[in-house]
PDB file of N, CA and C in Angstrom:
ATOM      1  N   MET A   1       0.996  -1.765  -0.098  1.00  0.00           N
ATOM      2  CA  MET A   1      -0.060   0.018   0.044  1.00  0.00           C
ATOM      3  C   MET A   1       0.779   1.245   0.092  1.00  0.00           C
ATOM      4  N   ALA A   2       0.332   2.310  -1.403  1.00  0.00           N
ATOM      5  CA  ALA A   2       1.367   3.662  -0.867  1.00  0.00           C
ATOM      6  C   ALA A   2       1.617   4.130   0.179  1.00  0.00           C
ATOM      7  N   PHE A   3       1.882   4.813   0.871  1.00  0.00           N
ATOM      8  CA  PHE A   3       1.557   6.210   1.491  1.00  0.00           C
ATOM      9  C   PHE A   3       1.457   6.904   1.164  1.00  0.00           C
ATOM     10  N   THR A   4      -0.180   7.578   1.807  1.00  0.00           N
ATOM     11  CA  THR A   4      -0.326   9.033   1.576  1.00  0.00           C
ATOM     12  C   THR A   4      -0.058   9.729   2.716  1.00  0.00           C
ATOM     13  N   LEU A   5      -1.066  10.827   1.900  1.00  0.00           N
ATOM     14  CA  LEU A   5      -1.285  12.443   3.067  1.00  0.00           C
ATOM     15  C   LEU A   5      -2.028  12.255   3.677  1.00  0.00           C
ATOM     16  N   GLU A   6      -3.583  11.227   3.659  1.00  0.00           N
ATOM     17  CA  GLU A   6      -4.329  10.410   4.644  1.00  0.00           C
ATOM     18  C   GLU A   6      -3.137  10.027   6.051  1.00  0.00           C
ATOM     19  N   SER A   7      -2.206   8.990   5.462  1.00  0.00           N
ATOM     20  CA  SER A   7      -1.468   8.369   6.338  1.00  0.00           C
ATOM     21  C   SER A   7      -0.228   9.660   7.313  1.00  0.00           C
ATOM     22  N   LEU A   8       0.041   9.979   6.750  1.00  0.00           N
ATOM     23  CA  LEU A   8       0.895  11.190   7.485  1.00  0.00           C
ATOM     24  C   LEU A   8      -0.409  12.009   8.452  1.00  0.00           C
ATOM     25  N   ALA A   9      -1.627  12.319   8.330  1.00  0.00           N
ATOM     26  CA  ALA A   9      -2.456  12.780   8.707  1.00  0.00           C
ATOM     27  C   ALA A   9      -3.318  12.311  10.009  1.00  0.00           C
ATOM     28  N   ALA A  10      -2.894  11.157  10.215  1.00  0.00           N
ATOM     29  CA  ALA A  10      -3.235   9.913  11.109  1.00  0.00           C
ATOM     30  C   ALA A  10      -1.844   9.993  11.376  1.00  0.00           C
ATOM     31  N   ILE A  11      -0.738   9.618  11.207  1.00  0.00           N
ATOM     32  CA  ILE A  11       0.006   9.900  12.307  1.00  0.00           C
ATOM     33  C   ILE A  11       0.457  10.674  13.547  1.00  0.00           C
ATOM     34  N   ILE A  12       0.214  12.405  12.700  1.00  0.00           N
ATOM     35  CA  ILE A  12       0.814  13.392  13.283  1.00  0.00           C
ATOM     36  C   ILE A  12      -0.596  13.372  14.119  1.00  0.00           C
ATOM     37  N   ALA A  13      -2.289  13.151  14.090  1.00  0.00           N
ATOM     38  CA  ALA A  13      -2.900  12.581  15.037  1.00  0.00           C
ATOM     39  C   ALA A  13      -2.401  12.605  15.922  1.00  0.00           C
ATOM     40  N   GLU A  14      -2.497  10.449  15.713  1.00  0.00           N
ATOM     41  CA  GLU A  14      -1.872   9.911  17.077  1.00  0.00           C
ATOM     42  C   GLU A  14      -0.754  10.813  18.042  1.00  0.00           C
ATOM     43  N   ARG A  15       0.270  10.935  17.197  1.00  0.00           N
ATOM     44  CA  ARG A  15       1.368  11.858  18.011  1.00  0.00           C
ATOM     45  C   ARG A  15       0.801  12.904  18.779  1.00  0.00           C
ATOM     46  N   ALA A  16      -0.553  13.869  17.770  1.00  0.00           N
ATOM     47  CA  ALA A  16      -1.330  14.661  18.975  1.00  0.00           C
ATOM     48  C   ALA A  16      -1.933  14.574  20.284  1.00  0.00           C
ATOM     49  N   ARG A  17      -2.338  13.060  19.976  1.00  0.00           N
ATOM     50  CA  ARG A  17      -2.763  12.421  21.035  1.00  0.00           C
ATOM     51  C   ARG A  17      -2.109  11.804  22.185  1.00  0.00           C
ATOM     52  N   ALA A  18      -0.519  11.297  21.940  1.00  0.00           N
ATOM     53  CA  ALA A  18       0.343  10.663  22.562  1.00  0.00           C
ATOM     54  C   ALA A  18       0.627  11.544  23.907  1.00  0.00           C
ATOM     55  N   GLY A  19       0.404  11.160  25.004  1.00  0.00           N
ATOM     56  CA  GLY A  19       1.011  11.587  26.592  1.00  0.00           C
ATOM     57  C   GLY A  19       1.792  10.976  26.330  1.00  0.00           C
ATOM     58  N   GLY A  20       3.295  10.931  27.902  1.00  0.00           N
ATOM     59  CA  GLY A  20       4.553  10.176  27.699  1.00  0.00           C
ATOM     60  C   GLY A  20       5.676  10.912  26.950  1.00  0.00           C
ATOM     61  N   GLU A  21       6.926  10.222  26.250  1.00  0.00           N
ATOM     62  CA  GLU A  21       7.379  10.468  25.203  1.00  0.00           C
ATOM     63  C   GLU A  21       7.105  11.390  24.362  1.00  0.00           C
ATOM     64  N   ARG A  22       7.529  12.757  24.616  1.00  0.00           N
ATOM     65  CA  ARG A  22       6.911  13.957  23.539  1.00  0.00           C
ATOM     66  C   ARG A  22       8.210  13.716  22.076  1.00  0.00           C
ATOM     67  N   SER A  23       6.748  13.689  20.753  1.00  0.00           N
ATOM     68  CA  SER A  23       7.496  13.448  19.233  1.00  0.00           C
ATOM     69  C   SER A  23       7.781  15.373  19.270  1.00  0.00           C
ATOM     70  N   TYR A  24       8.702  14.995  18.485  1.00  0.00           N
ATOM     71  CA  TYR A  24       8.435  16.450  17.408  1.00  0.00           C
ATOM     72  C   TYR A  24       7.428  17.073  16.968  1.00  0.00           C
ATOM     73  N   THR A  25       6.541  16.332  16.544  1.00  0.00           N
ATOM     74  CA  THR A  25       4.843  16.485  16.196  1.00  0.00           C
ATOM     75  C   THR A  25       4.327  17.313  17.833  1.00  0.00           C
ATOM     76  N   ARG A  26       4.499  16.351  18.864  1.00  0.00           N
ATOM     77  CA  ARG A  26       3.662  16.618  20.213  1.00  0.00           C
ATOM     78  C   ARG A  26       3.778  18.380  20.282  1.00  0.00           C
ATOM     79  N   GLN A  27       5.802  18.235  20.139  1.00  0.00           N
ATOM     80  CA  GLN A  27       6.480  19.693  21.060  1.00  0.00           C
ATOM     81  C   GLN A  27       5.920  20.956  20.001  1.00  0.00           C
ATOM     82  N   LEU A  28       5.664  20.754  18.533  1.00  0.00           N
ATOM     83  CA  LEU A  28       5.172  21.873  17.971  1.00  0.00           C
ATOM     84  C   LEU A  28       4.056  22.169  18.314  1.00  0.00           C
ATOM     85  N   LEU A  29       3.090  21.118  18.236  1.00  0.00           N
ATOM     86  CA  LEU A  29       1.564  21.217  18.784  1.00  0.00           C
ATOM     87  C   LEU A  29       1.679  21.778  19.641  1.00  0.00           C
ATOM     88  N   ASP A  30       2.551  21.475  21.153  1.00  0.00           N
ATOM     89  CA  ASP A  30       2.562  22.250  22.004  1.00  0.00           C
ATOM     90  C   ASP A  30       2.747  23.828  22.258  1.00  0.00           C
ATOM     91  N   GLU A  31       3.270  24.427  21.291  1.00  0.00           N
ATOM     92  CA  GLU A  31       4.055  25.373  20.847  1.00  0.00           C
ATOM     93  C   GLU A  31       2.878  26.102  20.497  1.00  0.00           C
ATOM     94  N   GLY A  32       2.083  25.341  20.235  1.00  0.00           N
ATOM     95  CA  GLY A  32       0.768  26.351  19.314  1.00  0.00           C
ATOM     96  C   GLY A  32       0.755  26.416  17.753  1.00  0.00           C
ATOM     97  N   ALA A  33      -0.529  27.053  17.514  1.00  0.00           N
ATOM     98  CA  ALA A  33      -0.301  27.467  15.708  1.00  0.00           C
ATOM     99  C   ALA A  33       0.593  28.685  15.409  1.00  0.00           C
ATOM    100  N   LYS A  34       0.680  29.356  16.324  1.00  0.00           N
ATOM    101  CA  LYS A  34       2.484  30.151  15.617  1.00  0.00           C
ATOM    102  C   LYS A  34       3.100  30.293  15.380  1.00  0.00           C
ATOM    103  N   LYS A  35       3.770  29.050  15.889  1.00  0.00           N
ATOM    104  CA  LYS A  35       5.143  28.209  15.965  1.00  0.00           C
ATOM    105  C   LYS A  35       5.328  27.020  14.976  1.00  0.00           C
ATOM    106  N   CYS A  36       3.739  26.619  14.477  1.00  0.00           N
ATOM    107  CA  CYS A  36       3.306  25.908  13.532  1.00  0.00           C
ATOM    108  C   CYS A  36       3.741  26.206  12.471  1.00  0.00           C
ATOM    109  N   ALA A  37       2.893  27.352  11.998  1.00  0.00           N
ATOM    110  CA  ALA A  37       2.610  28.285  10.781  1.00  0.00           C
ATOM    111  C   ALA A  37       3.731  28.846  10.544  1.00  0.00           C
ATOM    112  N   LYS A  38       4.860  29.156  11.968  1.00  0.00           N
ATOM    113  CA  LYS A  38       6.668  29.832  11.259  1.00  0.00           C
ATOM    114  C   LYS A  38       6.776  28.801  10.403  1.00  0.00           C
ATOM    115  N   LYS A  39       6.842  27.589  10.909  1.00  0.00           N
ATOM    116  CA  LYS A  39       7.601  26.157  10.675  1.00  0.00           C
ATOM    117  C   LYS A  39       7.347  25.893   9.022  1.00  0.00           C
ATOM    118  N   LEU A  40       5.725  26.305   8.574  1.00  0.00           N
ATOM    119  CA  LEU A  40       5.491  26.109   7.414  1.00  0.00           C
ATOM    120  C   LEU A  40       6.001  26.499   6.137  1.00  0.00           C
ATOM    121  N   GLY A  41       5.938  28.294   7.057  1.00  0.00           N
ATOM    122  CA  GLY A  41       6.790  29.397   6.190  1.00  0.00           C
ATOM    123  C   GLY A  41       7.986  29.288   5.632  1.00  0.00           C
ATOM    124  N   GLU A  42       8.760  28.490   6.760  1.00  0.00           N
ATOM    125  CA  GLU A  42      10.208  28.068   6.150  1.00  0.00           C
ATOM    126  C   GLU A  42      10.833  26.969   5.629  1.00  0.00           C
ATOM    127  N   GLU A  43       9.673  26.140   5.902  1.00  0.00           N
ATOM    128  CA  GLU A  43       9.773  25.395   4.486  1.00  0.00           C
ATOM    129  C   GLU A  43       9.299  25.425   3.161  1.00  0.00           C
ATOM    130  N   ALA A  44       8.188  26.052   3.269  1.00  0.00           N
ATOM    131  CA  ALA A  44       7.949  26.525   2.106  1.00  0.00           C
ATOM    132  C   ALA A  44       8.792  27.380   1.402  1.00  0.00           C
ATOM    133  N   MET A  45       9.594  28.264   1.920  1.00  0.00           N
ATOM    134  CA  MET A  45      10.768  29.217   1.113  1.00  0.00           C
ATOM    135  C   MET A  45      11.600  28.038   1.150  1.00  0.00           C
ATOM    136  N   GLU A  46      12.010  27.566   1.933  1.00  0.00           N
ATOM    137  CA  GLU A  46      13.170  26.119   1.513  1.00  0.00           C
ATOM    138  C   GLU A  46      13.145  25.318   0.193  1.00  0.00           C
ATOM    139  N   ALA A  47      11.562  25.088   0.188  1.00  0.00           N
ATOM    140  CA  ALA A  47      11.247  23.948  -1.420  1.00  0.00           C
ATOM    141  C   ALA A  47      10.557  25.215  -2.637  1.00  0.00           C
ATOM    142  N   ALA A  48      10.845  26.382  -2.502  1.00  0.00           N
ATOM    143  CA  ALA A  48      10.954  26.436  -3.204  1.00  0.00           C
ATOM    144  C   ALA A  48      12.089  27.120  -3.504  1.00  0.00           C
ATOM    145  N   LEU A  49      13.399  27.268  -2.846  1.00  0.00           N
ATOM    146  CA  LEU A  49      14.412  27.640  -3.063  1.00  0.00           C
ATOM    147  C   LEU A  49      15.602  26.440  -3.895  1.00  0.00           C
ATOM    148  N   ALA A  50      14.733  25.506  -3.652  1.00  0.00           N
ATOM    149  CA  ALA A  50      15.009  23.860  -4.065  1.00  0.00           C
ATOM    150  C   ALA A  50      14.982  24.063  -5.297  1.00  0.00           C
ATOM    151  N   ALA A  51      13.142  24.301  -5.626  1.00  0.00           N
ATOM    152  CA  ALA A  51      12.885  24.523  -6.993  1.00  0.00           C
ATOM    153  C   ALA A  51      13.709  25.329  -7.926  1.00  0.00           C
ATOM    154  N   VAL A  52      14.234  26.007  -7.774  1.00  0.00           N
ATOM    155  CA  VAL A  52      14.593  27.039  -8.422  1.00  0.00           C
ATOM    156  C   VAL A  52      16.239  26.204  -8.298  1.00  0.00           C
ATOM    157  N   SER A  53      16.081  25.759  -7.578  1.00  0.00           N
ATOM    158  CA  SER A  53      17.880  25.060  -7.931  1.00  0.00           C
ATOM    159  C   SER A  53      18.200  23.960  -9.083  1.00  0.00           C
ATOM    160  N   GLY A  54      17.312  23.711  -9.206  1.00  0.00           N
ATOM    161  CA  GLY A  54      17.454  22.156 -10.348  1.00  0.00           C
ATOM    162  C   GLY A  54      17.650  21.594  -9.402  1.00  0.00           C
ATOM    163  N   ASP A  55      17.618  21.311  -8.479  1.00  0.00           N
ATOM    164  CA  ASP A  55      18.194  20.318  -7.103  1.00  0.00           C
ATOM    165  C   ASP A  55      16.778  19.138  -7.552  1.00  0.00           C
ATOM    166  N   ASN A  56      16.328  18.475  -7.534  1.00  0.00           N
ATOM    167  CA  ASN A  56      15.476  17.472  -7.384  1.00  0.00           C
ATOM    168  C   ASN A  56      15.500  16.686  -5.784  1.00  0.00           C
ATOM    169  N   LYS A  57      16.529  15.941  -6.137  1.00  0.00           N
ATOM    170  CA  LYS A  57      16.677  15.698  -4.643  1.00  0.00           C
ATOM    171  C   LYS A  57      16.271  16.632  -3.605  1.00  0.00           C
ATOM    172  N   ALA A  58      17.139  17.975  -3.499  1.00  0.00           N
ATOM    173  CA  ALA A  58      16.655  18.673  -2.082  1.00  0.00           C
ATOM    174  C   ALA A  58      14.961  18.908  -2.770  1.00  0.00           C
ATOM    175  N   LEU A  59      14.563  19.504  -4.208  1.00  0.00           N
ATOM    176  CA  LEU A  59      13.266  19.635  -4.032  1.00  0.00           C
ATOM    177  C   LEU A  59      12.249  18.364  -3.508  1.00  0.00           C
ATOM    178  N   VAL A  60      12.571  16.787  -3.872  1.00  0.00           N
ATOM    179  CA  VAL A  60      11.480  16.244  -2.444  1.00  0.00           C
ATOM    180  C   VAL A  60      11.612  16.045  -1.029  1.00  0.00           C
ATOM    181  N   ALA A  61      12.658  16.457  -0.761  1.00  0.00           N
ATOM    182  CA  ALA A  61      12.956  16.522   0.336  1.00  0.00           C
ATOM    183  C   ALA A  61      12.886  17.464   1.923  1.00  0.00           C
ATOM    184  N   GLU A  62      12.544  18.428   0.691  1.00  0.00           N
ATOM    185  CA  GLU A  62      11.576  20.024   1.431  1.00  0.00           C
ATOM    186  C   GLU A  62      10.625  19.888   0.530  1.00  0.00           C
ATOM    187  N   SER A  63       9.836  19.521   0.077  1.00  0.00           N
ATOM    188  CA  SER A  63       8.129  19.050  -0.593  1.00  0.00           C
ATOM    189  C   SER A  63       7.406  17.856   0.584  1.00  0.00           C
ATOM    190  N   ALA A  64       7.915  17.233   1.068  1.00  0.00           N
ATOM    191  CA  ALA A  64       8.120  16.557   2.451  1.00  0.00           C
ATOM    192  C   ALA A  64       7.957  16.943   3.160  1.00  0.00           C
ATOM    193  N   ASP A  65       9.174  18.197   3.719  1.00  0.00           N
ATOM    194  CA  ASP A  65       9.277  18.767   5.226  1.00  0.00           C
ATOM    195  C   ASP A  65       7.706  19.895   4.836  1.00  0.00           C
ATOM    196  N   LEU A  66       7.431  19.809   3.604  1.00  0.00           N
ATOM    197  CA  LEU A  66       6.769  21.081   3.765  1.00  0.00           C
ATOM    198  C   LEU A  66       5.247  20.660   3.842  1.00  0.00           C
ATOM    199  N   LEU A  67       4.814  19.244   3.278  1.00  0.00           N
ATOM    200  CA  LEU A  67       3.514  18.753   3.439  1.00  0.00           C
ATOM    201  C   LEU A  67       3.504  18.099   5.292  1.00  0.00           C
ATOM    202  N   TYR A  68       4.598  17.506   5.620  1.00  0.00           N
ATOM    203  CA  TYR A  68       4.139  17.698   6.714  1.00  0.00           C
ATOM    204  C   TYR A  68       3.622  18.433   7.968  1.00  0.00           C
ATOM    205  N   HIS A  69       4.617  19.461   7.421  1.00  0.00           N
ATOM    206  CA  HIS A  69       4.804  20.748   8.172  1.00  0.00           C
ATOM    207  C   HIS A  69       2.420  21.920   8.085  1.00  0.00           C
ATOM    208  N   LEU A  70       2.500  21.774   6.680  1.00  0.00           N
ATOM    209  CA  LEU A  70       1.313  21.680   6.684  1.00  0.00           C
ATOM    210  C   LEU A  70      -0.015  21.123   6.859  1.00  0.00           C
ATOM    211  N   LEU A  71       0.506  19.410   7.412  1.00  0.00           N
ATOM    212  CA  LEU A  71      -0.744  18.830   7.937  1.00  0.00           C
ATOM    213  C   LEU A  71      -0.464  18.883   9.658  1.00  0.00           C
ATOM    214  N   VAL A  72       1.155  19.228  10.394  1.00  0.00           N
ATOM    215  CA  VAL A  72       1.204  19.650  11.687  1.00  0.00           C
ATOM    216  C   VAL A  72       0.383  21.476  11.354  1.00  0.00           C
ATOM    217  N   VAL A  73       0.293  22.700  10.587  1.00  0.00           N
ATOM    218  CA  VAL A  73      -0.450  23.489  11.145  1.00  0.00           C
ATOM    219  C   VAL A  73      -2.040  22.905  11.235  1.00  0.00           C
ATOM    220  N   LEU A  74      -2.723  22.441   9.745  1.00  0.00           N
ATOM    221  CA  LEU A  74      -4.357  22.200   9.918  1.00  0.00           C
ATOM    222  C   LEU A  74      -4.318  21.504  11.243  1.00  0.00           C
ATOM    223  N   GLU A  75      -4.032  20.938  11.588  1.00  0.00           N
ATOM    224  CA  GLU A  75      -3.516  19.929  13.397  1.00  0.00           C
ATOM    225  C   GLU A  75      -3.958  20.384  14.481  1.00  0.00           C
ATOM    226  N   SER A  76      -2.823  21.661  14.576  1.00  0.00           N
ATOM    227  CA  SER A  76      -3.192  22.851  15.812  1.00  0.00           C
ATOM    228  C   SER A  76      -4.518  23.759  15.447  1.00  0.00           C
ATOM    229  N   ARG A  77      -4.906  23.676  15.000  1.00  0.00           N
ATOM    230  CA  ARG A  77      -5.788  24.012  14.298  1.00  0.00           C
ATOM    231  C   ARG A  77      -6.845  23.886  14.071  1.00  0.00           C
ATOM    232  N   GLY A  78      -7.202  22.674  13.995  1.00  0.00           N
ATOM    233  CA  GLY A  78      -8.679  21.280  14.177  1.00  0.00           C
ATOM    234  C   GLY A  78      -9.006  21.016  13.087  1.00  0.00           C
ATOM    235  N   VAL A  79      -8.149  21.960  11.458  1.00  0.00           N
ATOM    236  CA  VAL A  79      -9.058  21.944  10.667  1.00  0.00           C
ATOM    237  C   VAL A  79      -8.485  20.002   9.932  1.00  0.00           C
ATOM    238  N   ALA A  80      -9.637  19.641   9.131  1.00  0.00           N
ATOM    239  CA  ALA A  80      -9.458  17.863   8.755  1.00  0.00           C
ATOM    240  C   ALA A  80      -9.101  18.181   7.533  1.00  0.00           C
ATOM    241  N   LEU A  81      -8.051  17.678   6.956  1.00  0.00           N
ATOM    242  CA  LEU A  81      -7.327  16.795   5.608  1.00  0.00           C
ATOM    243  C   LEU A  81      -8.972  16.570   4.315  1.00  0.00           C
ATOM    244  N   ALA A  82      -9.931  16.627   4.623  1.00  0.00           N
ATOM    245  CA  ALA A  82     -10.926  16.294   4.439  1.00  0.00           C
ATOM    246  C   ALA A  82     -11.934  17.010   3.751  1.00  0.00           C
ATOM    247  N   ASP A  83     -11.673  18.286   5.091  1.00  0.00           N
ATOM    248  CA  ASP A  83     -12.264  19.616   4.729  1.00  0.00           C
ATOM    249  C   ASP A  83     -11.420  20.357   3.430  1.00  0.00           C
ATOM    250  N   VAL A  84     -10.208  20.323   3.100  1.00  0.00           N
ATOM    251  CA  VAL A  84      -8.732  20.736   2.486  1.00  0.00           C
ATOM    252  C   VAL A  84      -9.143  19.661   1.219  1.00  0.00           C
ATOM    253  N   TYR A  85      -9.572  19.243   1.015  1.00  0.00           N
ATOM    254  CA  TYR A  85      -9.633  18.101  -0.328  1.00  0.00           C
ATOM    255  C   TYR A  85     -10.935  18.610  -0.671  1.00  0.00           C
ATOM    256  N   ALA A  86     -11.826  18.897   0.148  1.00  0.00           N
ATOM    257  CA  ALA A  86     -13.634  19.421  -0.604  1.00  0.00           C
ATOM    258  C   ALA A  86     -12.774  20.669  -1.067  1.00  0.00           C
ATOM    259  N   GLU A  87     -12.532  21.624  -0.510  1.00  0.00           N
ATOM    260  CA  GLU A  87     -12.717  22.880  -0.490  1.00  0.00           C
ATOM    261  C   GLU A  87     -11.660  22.564  -2.717  1.00  0.00           C
ATOM    262  N   LEU A  88     -10.954  21.997  -2.484  1.00  0.00           N
ATOM    263  CA  LEU A  88     -10.092  21.748  -4.010  1.00  0.00           C
ATOM    264  C   LEU A  88     -10.815  20.957  -5.064  1.00  0.00           C
ATOM    265  N   GLU A  89     -11.918  20.410  -3.953  1.00  0.00           N
ATOM    266  CA  GLU A  89     -12.908  19.646  -5.870  1.00  0.00           C
ATOM    267  C   GLU A  89     -13.781  21.044  -5.238  1.00  0.00           C
ATOM    268  N   ARG A  90     -14.477  20.937  -4.830  1.00  0.00           N
ATOM    269  CA  ARG A  90     -15.129  22.941  -5.317  1.00  0.00           C
ATOM    270  C   ARG A  90     -14.386  23.464  -5.974  1.00  0.00           C
ATOM    271  N   ARG A  91     -13.221  23.304  -6.189  1.00  0.00           N
ATOM    272  CA  ARG A  91     -12.347  24.626  -7.033  1.00  0.00           C
ATOM    273  C   ARG A  91     -12.375  23.766  -8.191  1.00  0.00           C
ATOM    274  N   THR A  92     -12.075  22.918  -8.566  1.00  0.00           N
ATOM    275  CA  THR A  92     -12.014  22.265 -10.046  1.00  0.00           C
ATOM    276  C   THR A  92     -12.896  21.359 -10.577  1.00  0.00           C
ATOM    277  N   ALA A  93     -14.397  22.409  -9.875  1.00  0.00           N
ATOM    278  CA  ALA A  93     -15.247  22.066 -10.654  1.00  0.00           C
ATOM    279  C   ALA A  93     -15.888  23.469 -11.274  1.00  0.00           C
ATOM    280  N   ARG A  94     -14.777  24.299 -11.483  1.00  0.00           N
ATOM    281  CA  ARG A  94     -14.811  25.200 -12.870  1.00  0.00           C
ATOM    282  C   ARG A  94     -13.070  26.355 -13.531  1.00  0.00           C
ATOM    283  N   SER A  95     -13.133  26.639 -13.903  1.00  0.00           N
ATOM    284  CA  SER A  95     -11.167  26.469 -14.575  1.00  0.00           C
ATOM    285  C   SER A  95     -10.427  27.569 -14.014  1.00  0.00           C
ATOM    286  N   GLY A  96      -9.243  27.514 -13.466  1.00  0.00           N
ATOM    287  CA  GLY A  96      -8.653  27.945 -12.253  1.00  0.00           C
ATOM    288  C   GLY A  96      -8.446  29.355 -12.470  1.00  0.00           C
ATOM    289  N   LEU A  97      -8.755  29.803 -14.006  1.00  0.00           N
ATOM    290  CA  LEU A  97      -9.027  31.822 -14.062  1.00  0.00           C
ATOM    291  C   LEU A  97     -10.147  32.170 -13.363  1.00  0.00           C
ATOM    292  N   ASP A  98     -10.592  31.616 -13.562  1.00  0.00           N
ATOM    293  CA  ASP A  98     -12.825  32.298 -12.828  1.00  0.00           C
ATOM    294  C   ASP A  98     -12.669  31.813 -11.312  1.00  0.00           C
ATOM    295  N   GLU A  99     -12.244  30.563 -10.868  1.00  0.00           N
ATOM    296  CA  GLU A  99     -12.083  30.691  -9.930  1.00  0.00           C
ATOM    297  C   GLU A  99     -11.384  32.028  -8.870  1.00  0.00           C
ATOM    298  N   LYS A 100     -10.255  31.862  -9.408  1.00  0.00           N
ATOM    299  CA  LYS A 100      -9.313  33.344  -9.441  1.00  0.00           C
ATOM    300  C   LYS A 100      -9.919  34.486  -9.231  1.00  0.00           C
ATOM    301  N   ALA A 101     -10.802  34.458 -10.563  1.00  0.00           N
ATOM    302  CA  ALA A 101     -11.129  35.414 -10.577  1.00  0.00           C
ATOM    303  C   ALA A 101     -12.389  36.104  -9.732  1.00  0.00           C
ATOM    304  N   SER A 102     -12.864  35.201  -8.976  1.00  0.00           N
ATOM    305  CA  SER A 102     -14.012  35.433  -8.369  1.00  0.00           C
ATOM    306  C   SER A 102     -13.438  35.476  -7.025  1.00  0.00           C
ATOM    307  N   ARG A 103     -12.181  35.532  -6.891  1.00  0.00           N
ATOM    308  CA  ARG A 103     -12.113  35.666  -4.937  1.00  0.00           C
ATOM    309  C   ARG A 103     -11.555  37.200  -4.979  1.00  0.00           C
ATOM    310  N   ARG A 104     -11.229  37.942  -6.216  1.00  0.00           N
ATOM    311  CA  ARG A 104     -10.549  39.264  -5.861  1.00  0.00           C
ATOM    312  C   ARG A 104     -11.891  39.922  -5.838  1.00  0.00           C
ATOM    313  N   LYS A 105     -12.843  39.486  -6.248  1.00  0.00           N
ATOM    314  CA  LYS A 105     -14.526  39.746  -5.961  1.00  0.00           C
ATOM    315  C   LYS A 105     -15.161  40.020  -4.415  1.00  0.00           C
ATOM    316  N   ASP A 106     -14.915  38.817  -4.086  1.00  0.00           N
ATOM    317  CA  ASP A 106     -15.024  38.652  -2.643  1.00  0.00           C
ATOM    318  C   ASP A 106     -14.592  39.377  -1.455  1.00  0.00           C
TER     319      ASP A 106
END
């Protein structure tokens, strides 16, 4: 079975509920949404830099970090990955250009 974002989200949720020995995930969550968001921003920048560097191995590694930290932020705010999927599904019902134009009016 392939590893999925759902798998990662489940691991993060499990570590969020776990007591006893603290994990990095638990440490981030204990520091709050602001710290989690800061780490997400750092990883986004690192992924962007890897993308323009031409180093695909670095891009893969930084993308993994970025996805992990995004899911930690979602966990910190109580947002389910399914909610993000639902929003993506809603947006794909029309062209991306039309969708972006509608956001400017909102």
